[in-house]
N, C-alpha and C. Protein backbone atom coordinates (compact mmCIF):
# COMPACT_ATOMS: atom_id res chain seq x y z
N MET A 1 -3.01 1.00 -32.39
CA MET A 1 -3.67 0.07 -32.18
C MET A 1 -2.92 -1.36 -32.03
N PHE A 2 -3.65 -2.02 -31.40
CA PHE A 2 -2.84 -3.49 -31.13
C PHE A 2 -3.51 -4.55 -32.37
N GLU A 3 -2.66 -4.88 -33.23
CA GLU A 3 -2.96 -5.40 -34.45
C GLU A 3 -3.33 -6.87 -33.89
N ALA A 4 -4.41 -7.59 -34.03
CA ALA A 4 -4.65 -8.77 -33.68
C ALA A 4 -4.08 -10.20 -34.27
N GLU A 5 -3.89 -9.89 -35.47
CA GLU A 5 -2.92 -10.87 -35.99
C GLU A 5 -1.61 -11.23 -35.98
N ASN A 6 -0.81 -10.00 -35.02
CA ASN A 6 0.52 -10.16 -34.55
C ASN A 6 0.62 -10.68 -33.01
N ILE A 7 -0.69 -10.94 -32.54
CA ILE A 7 -0.56 -11.07 -31.07
C ILE A 7 0.38 -12.30 -30.68
N ARG A 8 0.65 -13.48 -31.65
CA ARG A 8 1.65 -14.18 -31.36
C ARG A 8 2.79 -13.81 -31.49
N ASP A 9 3.19 -13.15 -32.23
CA ASP A 9 4.73 -12.32 -32.16
C ASP A 9 4.76 -11.51 -30.66
N TRP A 10 3.94 -11.08 -30.27
CA TRP A 10 4.26 -10.44 -29.06
C TRP A 10 4.38 -11.06 -27.67
N ARG A 11 3.87 -11.99 -27.61
CA ARG A 11 4.36 -13.06 -26.49
C ARG A 11 5.31 -12.91 -25.89
N GLY A 12 5.57 -12.62 -24.72
CA GLY A 12 6.62 -12.65 -24.11
C GLY A 12 7.35 -11.49 -24.00
N HIS A 13 7.04 -10.37 -24.68
CA HIS A 13 7.55 -9.28 -24.49
C HIS A 13 6.99 -8.25 -23.49
N ASP A 14 8.02 -7.38 -23.01
CA ASP A 14 7.63 -6.65 -21.71
C ASP A 14 6.15 -5.88 -21.93
N VAL A 15 5.69 -5.52 -20.81
CA VAL A 15 4.46 -4.88 -20.49
C VAL A 15 4.46 -3.94 -19.95
N VAL A 16 4.50 -2.29 -19.82
CA VAL A 16 4.88 -1.36 -19.14
C VAL A 16 4.10 -0.58 -18.87
N ASP A 17 4.03 0.22 -17.96
CA ASP A 17 2.76 1.17 -17.57
C ASP A 17 3.33 2.69 -18.47
N ALA A 18 2.17 3.63 -18.28
CA ALA A 18 2.55 5.22 -19.00
C ALA A 18 4.23 5.53 -18.52
N GLY A 19 4.58 5.25 -17.47
CA GLY A 19 5.77 5.96 -16.86
C GLY A 19 6.86 4.92 -17.22
N GLY A 20 6.82 3.90 -17.97
CA GLY A 20 7.89 2.96 -18.44
C GLY A 20 8.26 2.06 -17.50
N ASP A 21 7.68 1.98 -16.29
CA ASP A 21 7.87 0.44 -15.31
C ASP A 21 7.34 -0.46 -15.82
N LYS A 22 8.04 -1.52 -15.87
CA LYS A 22 7.60 -3.14 -16.16
C LYS A 22 6.78 -3.33 -15.42
N ILE A 23 5.74 -3.80 -15.95
CA ILE A 23 4.28 -4.81 -15.02
C ILE A 23 4.87 -6.16 -15.31
N GLY A 24 5.35 -6.67 -16.43
CA GLY A 24 5.31 -8.14 -16.63
C GLY A 24 5.96 -8.09 -18.07
N SER A 25 4.90 -9.64 -18.18
CA SER A 25 5.40 -9.88 -19.66
C SER A 25 3.99 -10.36 -20.34
N LEU A 26 3.74 -9.99 -21.73
CA LEU A 26 2.64 -10.40 -22.21
C LEU A 26 2.49 -11.80 -22.35
N GLU A 27 1.48 -12.70 -21.60
CA GLU A 27 1.21 -13.79 -22.03
C GLU A 27 0.16 -14.37 -23.31
N SER A 28 -0.93 -13.21 -23.28
CA SER A 28 -1.85 -13.58 -24.32
C SER A 28 -2.91 -12.27 -24.20
N VAL A 29 -3.70 -12.51 -25.27
CA VAL A 29 -4.68 -11.32 -25.19
C VAL A 29 -6.36 -11.81 -25.59
N TYR A 30 -6.82 -11.23 -24.94
CA TYR A 30 -8.21 -11.28 -24.95
C TYR A 30 -9.14 -10.48 -25.88
N VAL A 31 -9.90 -10.88 -26.49
CA VAL A 31 -10.58 -10.08 -27.80
C VAL A 31 -12.10 -9.95 -26.91
N ASP A 32 -12.61 -8.80 -27.61
CA ASP A 32 -13.91 -8.55 -27.34
C ASP A 32 -15.03 -9.22 -28.26
N THR A 33 -15.77 -10.24 -27.76
CA THR A 33 -16.27 -10.81 -28.48
C THR A 33 -17.50 -10.51 -29.65
N THR A 34 -17.90 -9.48 -29.14
CA THR A 34 -18.97 -8.55 -30.14
C THR A 34 -18.16 -7.95 -31.02
N THR A 35 -16.77 -7.61 -30.90
CA THR A 35 -16.25 -6.67 -32.16
C THR A 35 -14.94 -7.69 -32.56
N ASP A 36 -14.62 -8.39 -32.08
CA ASP A 36 -13.44 -9.42 -32.26
C ASP A 36 -12.29 -8.72 -32.08
N GLN A 37 -12.28 -7.53 -31.63
CA GLN A 37 -10.62 -6.39 -31.26
C GLN A 37 -10.62 -6.92 -30.08
N PRO A 38 -8.99 -6.66 -30.15
CA PRO A 38 -8.39 -6.82 -28.82
C PRO A 38 -8.87 -5.74 -27.66
N ALA A 39 -9.14 -6.55 -26.44
CA ALA A 39 -9.53 -5.76 -25.56
C ALA A 39 -8.94 -5.69 -24.06
N PHE A 40 -8.14 -6.84 -23.77
CA PHE A 40 -7.50 -7.08 -22.54
C PHE A 40 -6.21 -8.07 -22.80
N ALA A 41 -5.07 -7.31 -22.06
CA ALA A 41 -3.85 -8.33 -22.20
C ALA A 41 -3.75 -9.13 -20.88
N ALA A 42 -3.42 -10.35 -20.93
CA ALA A 42 -2.97 -11.22 -19.88
C ALA A 42 -1.72 -10.97 -19.65
N VAL A 43 -0.92 -10.65 -18.46
CA VAL A 43 0.26 -10.21 -18.27
C VAL A 43 0.76 -11.15 -16.98
N THR A 44 1.78 -11.98 -17.45
CA THR A 44 2.59 -12.50 -16.72
C THR A 44 3.31 -11.70 -15.17
N VAL A 45 2.80 -11.91 -14.32
CA VAL A 45 3.75 -11.11 -13.13
C VAL A 45 3.86 -12.08 -11.98
N GLY A 46 4.89 -11.56 -11.03
CA GLY A 46 5.35 -12.29 -9.81
C GLY A 46 6.43 -12.89 -9.93
N LEU A 47 7.07 -13.54 -9.04
CA LEU A 47 8.55 -14.16 -8.73
C LEU A 47 8.21 -15.40 -9.22
N LEU A 48 9.23 -16.03 -9.88
CA LEU A 48 9.27 -17.34 -10.16
C LEU A 48 8.62 -18.69 -9.82
N SER A 49 8.62 -18.73 -8.48
CA SER A 49 7.55 -19.81 -7.92
C SER A 49 6.09 -19.15 -7.73
N ARG A 50 6.00 -17.90 -8.06
CA ARG A 50 4.42 -17.54 -7.58
C ARG A 50 3.92 -16.54 -8.67
N LYS A 51 4.39 -17.19 -9.65
CA LYS A 51 3.39 -16.48 -10.86
C LYS A 51 2.19 -16.54 -11.01
N ARG A 52 1.59 -15.53 -11.72
CA ARG A 52 0.16 -15.46 -12.05
C ARG A 52 -0.14 -14.64 -13.49
N LEU A 53 -1.14 -14.85 -13.70
CA LEU A 53 -1.63 -13.96 -14.92
C LEU A 53 -2.37 -13.02 -14.33
N THR A 54 -2.39 -11.61 -14.63
CA THR A 54 -3.16 -10.36 -14.29
C THR A 54 -3.91 -9.81 -15.52
N PHE A 55 -4.61 -8.97 -15.51
CA PHE A 55 -5.23 -8.51 -16.74
C PHE A 55 -5.20 -6.80 -17.00
N VAL A 56 -4.93 -6.46 -17.95
CA VAL A 56 -4.96 -4.94 -18.12
C VAL A 56 -5.82 -4.50 -19.61
N PRO A 57 -6.50 -3.54 -19.64
CA PRO A 57 -7.34 -3.23 -20.80
C PRO A 57 -6.35 -2.37 -21.80
N LEU A 58 -6.57 -2.75 -23.17
CA LEU A 58 -5.50 -2.48 -24.14
C LEU A 58 -6.08 -1.21 -24.57
N TYR A 59 -6.99 -0.41 -24.20
CA TYR A 59 -7.43 0.73 -24.58
C TYR A 59 -6.31 1.87 -24.37
N LYS A 60 -6.06 2.49 -25.50
CA LYS A 60 -4.78 3.33 -25.62
C LYS A 60 -3.37 2.63 -25.32
N ALA A 61 -3.33 1.35 -25.48
CA ALA A 61 -2.09 0.90 -25.41
C ALA A 61 -1.34 1.11 -26.29
N VAL A 62 0.15 1.32 -26.41
CA VAL A 62 0.89 1.42 -27.70
C VAL A 62 1.97 0.13 -27.80
N VAL A 63 2.12 -0.14 -28.98
CA VAL A 63 3.02 -0.95 -29.50
C VAL A 63 4.37 -0.37 -29.78
N ALA A 64 5.28 -1.18 -29.21
CA ALA A 64 6.74 -0.36 -29.38
C ALA A 64 7.83 -1.53 -29.96
N PRO A 65 9.01 -1.27 -30.41
CA PRO A 65 9.82 -2.71 -31.16
C PRO A 65 9.95 -3.40 -29.76
N SER A 66 9.89 -3.45 -28.66
CA SER A 66 10.11 -4.08 -27.67
C SER A 66 9.10 -4.31 -26.59
N TYR A 67 8.18 -3.46 -26.54
CA TYR A 67 7.36 -3.61 -25.54
C TYR A 67 6.35 -3.28 -25.90
N LEU A 68 5.48 -3.63 -24.78
CA LEU A 68 3.62 -2.86 -24.97
C LEU A 68 3.57 -1.92 -23.93
N LYS A 69 2.96 -0.59 -24.33
CA LYS A 69 3.10 0.40 -23.19
C LYS A 69 1.27 0.65 -22.63
N VAL A 70 0.62 0.35 -21.84
CA VAL A 70 -0.61 0.41 -21.43
C VAL A 70 -0.57 1.71 -20.86
N ALA A 71 -2.18 2.15 -20.67
CA ALA A 71 -2.32 3.21 -20.09
C ALA A 71 -2.76 3.33 -18.63
N TYR A 72 -2.46 2.04 -17.78
CA TYR A 72 -2.76 2.27 -16.66
C TYR A 72 -1.81 2.01 -15.68
N PRO A 73 -1.68 2.48 -14.32
CA PRO A 73 -0.37 2.24 -13.69
C PRO A 73 0.06 1.12 -12.97
N LYS A 74 1.02 0.80 -12.98
CA LYS A 74 1.36 -0.73 -12.31
C LYS A 74 0.91 -1.17 -11.53
N GLN A 75 0.75 -0.59 -10.38
CA GLN A 75 -0.17 -0.89 -8.91
C GLN A 75 -1.42 -1.27 -9.12
N LEU A 76 -2.31 -0.38 -10.19
CA LEU A 76 -3.63 -0.69 -10.42
C LEU A 76 -3.96 -2.01 -11.05
N VAL A 77 -2.68 -2.47 -12.18
CA VAL A 77 -2.72 -3.32 -12.65
C VAL A 77 -2.47 -5.01 -11.84
N LYS A 78 -1.53 -4.86 -11.30
CA LYS A 78 -0.61 -5.88 -10.22
C LYS A 78 -2.13 -5.89 -9.37
N ASP A 79 -2.87 -5.00 -8.98
CA ASP A 79 -4.22 -5.37 -7.93
C ASP A 79 -5.09 -6.18 -8.87
N ALA A 80 -5.15 -6.10 -9.96
CA ALA A 80 -6.12 -6.47 -10.76
C ALA A 80 -6.50 -7.98 -10.67
N PRO A 81 -7.99 -8.54 -10.82
CA PRO A 81 -8.13 -9.80 -10.83
C PRO A 81 -7.30 -10.54 -11.52
N SER A 82 -6.68 -11.65 -11.04
CA SER A 82 -5.55 -12.98 -11.72
C SER A 82 -6.23 -14.03 -11.82
N ILE A 83 -5.10 -15.15 -12.39
CA ILE A 83 -5.79 -16.41 -12.36
C ILE A 83 -4.14 -16.91 -12.41
N GLY A 84 -4.07 -18.46 -12.28
CA GLY A 84 -3.00 -18.99 -12.05
C GLY A 84 -2.37 -18.91 -13.80
N THR A 85 -1.22 -19.37 -13.68
CA THR A 85 -0.61 -19.35 -15.45
C THR A 85 -1.29 -20.36 -15.89
N ASP A 86 -1.67 -21.62 -15.48
CA ASP A 86 -2.19 -22.55 -15.96
C ASP A 86 -3.82 -22.18 -15.98
N GLY A 87 -4.50 -21.07 -15.67
CA GLY A 87 -5.72 -21.18 -15.37
C GLY A 87 -6.63 -20.45 -16.33
N GLU A 88 -7.78 -20.00 -16.16
CA GLU A 88 -8.52 -19.92 -17.33
C GLU A 88 -9.82 -18.75 -17.03
N LEU A 89 -9.85 -17.28 -17.58
CA LEU A 89 -10.79 -16.46 -17.04
C LEU A 89 -12.17 -17.00 -17.14
N LEU A 90 -13.07 -17.28 -16.06
CA LEU A 90 -13.75 -17.52 -16.30
C LEU A 90 -15.08 -16.51 -16.74
N ALA A 91 -16.28 -16.97 -17.40
CA ALA A 91 -17.32 -16.08 -17.73
C ALA A 91 -17.88 -15.02 -16.47
N GLU A 92 -17.87 -15.99 -15.45
CA GLU A 92 -18.33 -14.64 -14.08
C GLU A 92 -17.57 -13.86 -13.61
N GLU A 93 -16.31 -14.21 -13.81
CA GLU A 93 -15.10 -13.27 -13.15
C GLU A 93 -15.23 -12.21 -14.18
N GLU A 94 -15.64 -12.24 -15.43
CA GLU A 94 -15.40 -11.03 -16.57
C GLU A 94 -15.84 -9.58 -15.98
N GLN A 95 -16.97 -9.75 -15.28
CA GLN A 95 -17.87 -8.63 -14.85
C GLN A 95 -16.81 -7.67 -13.04
N GLY A 96 -16.20 -8.74 -12.78
CA GLY A 96 -15.55 -8.01 -11.71
C GLY A 96 -13.86 -7.45 -12.38
N LEU A 97 -13.39 -8.05 -13.37
CA LEU A 97 -12.66 -7.65 -14.11
C LEU A 97 -12.70 -6.00 -14.51
N PHE A 98 -13.86 -5.86 -15.40
CA PHE A 98 -14.14 -4.56 -15.83
C PHE A 98 -14.39 -3.78 -14.78
N ALA A 99 -15.05 -4.07 -13.51
CA ALA A 99 -15.10 -3.08 -12.42
C ALA A 99 -14.14 -2.45 -11.83
N HIS A 100 -13.00 -3.34 -12.09
CA HIS A 100 -11.68 -3.35 -11.18
C HIS A 100 -11.01 -1.77 -12.11
N TYR A 101 -11.33 -1.83 -13.38
CA TYR A 101 -10.95 -0.64 -14.29
C TYR A 101 -11.83 0.36 -14.56
N ASP A 102 -13.26 0.34 -13.64
CA ASP A 102 -14.29 1.10 -13.83
C ASP A 102 -14.48 1.46 -15.15
N LEU A 103 -14.79 0.11 -15.92
CA LEU A 103 -15.01 0.17 -17.27
C LEU A 103 -16.81 -0.48 -17.48
N GLU A 104 -17.25 -0.12 -18.43
CA GLU A 104 -19.04 -0.66 -18.27
C GLU A 104 -18.86 -1.90 -18.92
N TYR A 105 -19.42 -2.96 -18.19
CA TYR A 105 -19.93 -4.19 -18.64
C TYR A 105 -21.34 -4.68 -18.92
N VAL A 106 -21.08 -4.98 -20.12
CA VAL A 106 -22.56 -5.18 -20.76
C VAL A 106 -22.84 -6.83 -20.79
N PRO A 107 -23.28 -7.39 -19.71
CA PRO A 107 -23.23 -8.96 -20.11
C PRO A 107 -24.33 -9.44 -21.09
N GLY A 108 -23.92 -10.56 -21.89
CA GLY A 108 -24.64 -11.05 -22.89
C GLY A 108 -25.16 -12.45 -22.82
N ALA A 109 -25.62 -13.16 -23.85
CA ALA A 109 -25.78 -14.20 -23.61
C ALA A 109 -24.71 -15.38 -23.82
N ALA A 110 -23.56 -14.62 -24.54
CA ALA A 110 -21.94 -15.39 -24.48
C ALA A 110 -21.25 -14.64 -23.84
N ARG A 111 -19.93 -15.10 -23.66
CA ARG A 111 -19.04 -14.56 -22.89
C ARG A 111 -18.70 -13.16 -23.41
N ARG A 112 -18.01 -12.64 -22.86
CA ARG A 112 -17.95 -11.02 -23.40
C ARG A 112 -16.36 -11.23 -23.95
N LEU A 113 -15.22 -11.92 -23.03
CA LEU A 113 -14.11 -11.96 -23.62
C LEU A 113 -13.27 -13.35 -24.44
N ALA A 114 -12.88 -13.54 -24.99
CA ALA A 114 -12.36 -14.68 -25.46
C ALA A 114 -10.71 -14.22 -25.66
N ARG A 115 -9.81 -15.76 -25.20
CA ARG A 115 -8.45 -15.68 -25.43
C ARG A 115 -7.93 -16.14 -26.79
N ARG A 116 -6.91 -15.04 -27.30
CA ARG A 116 -6.45 -14.87 -28.57
C ARG A 116 -4.84 -15.93 -28.40
């Protein structure tokens, strides 16, 4: 499991899919506000002049010495909802993110995801 207290240590490390294909680099982790457990990784993808952050669930993710391996294929992650590298995931965008990965989304009075 991805340990929340080590998030800052992992920024910039490679994020790879189950087959070992590099997706991008870890920018930040979003926690589930109901459990305070890591839920999604924000991954920097794209070319130098067109970088963006895309999101991938951390369910079944594996931390290795130099990378984070996620359980989702590279193309699915690259097609996920994204934001600019200086942007913020808005509360109204969360449901679309969960839907992209066929995950259940239960809206509440507060945000479901928070950046750490």
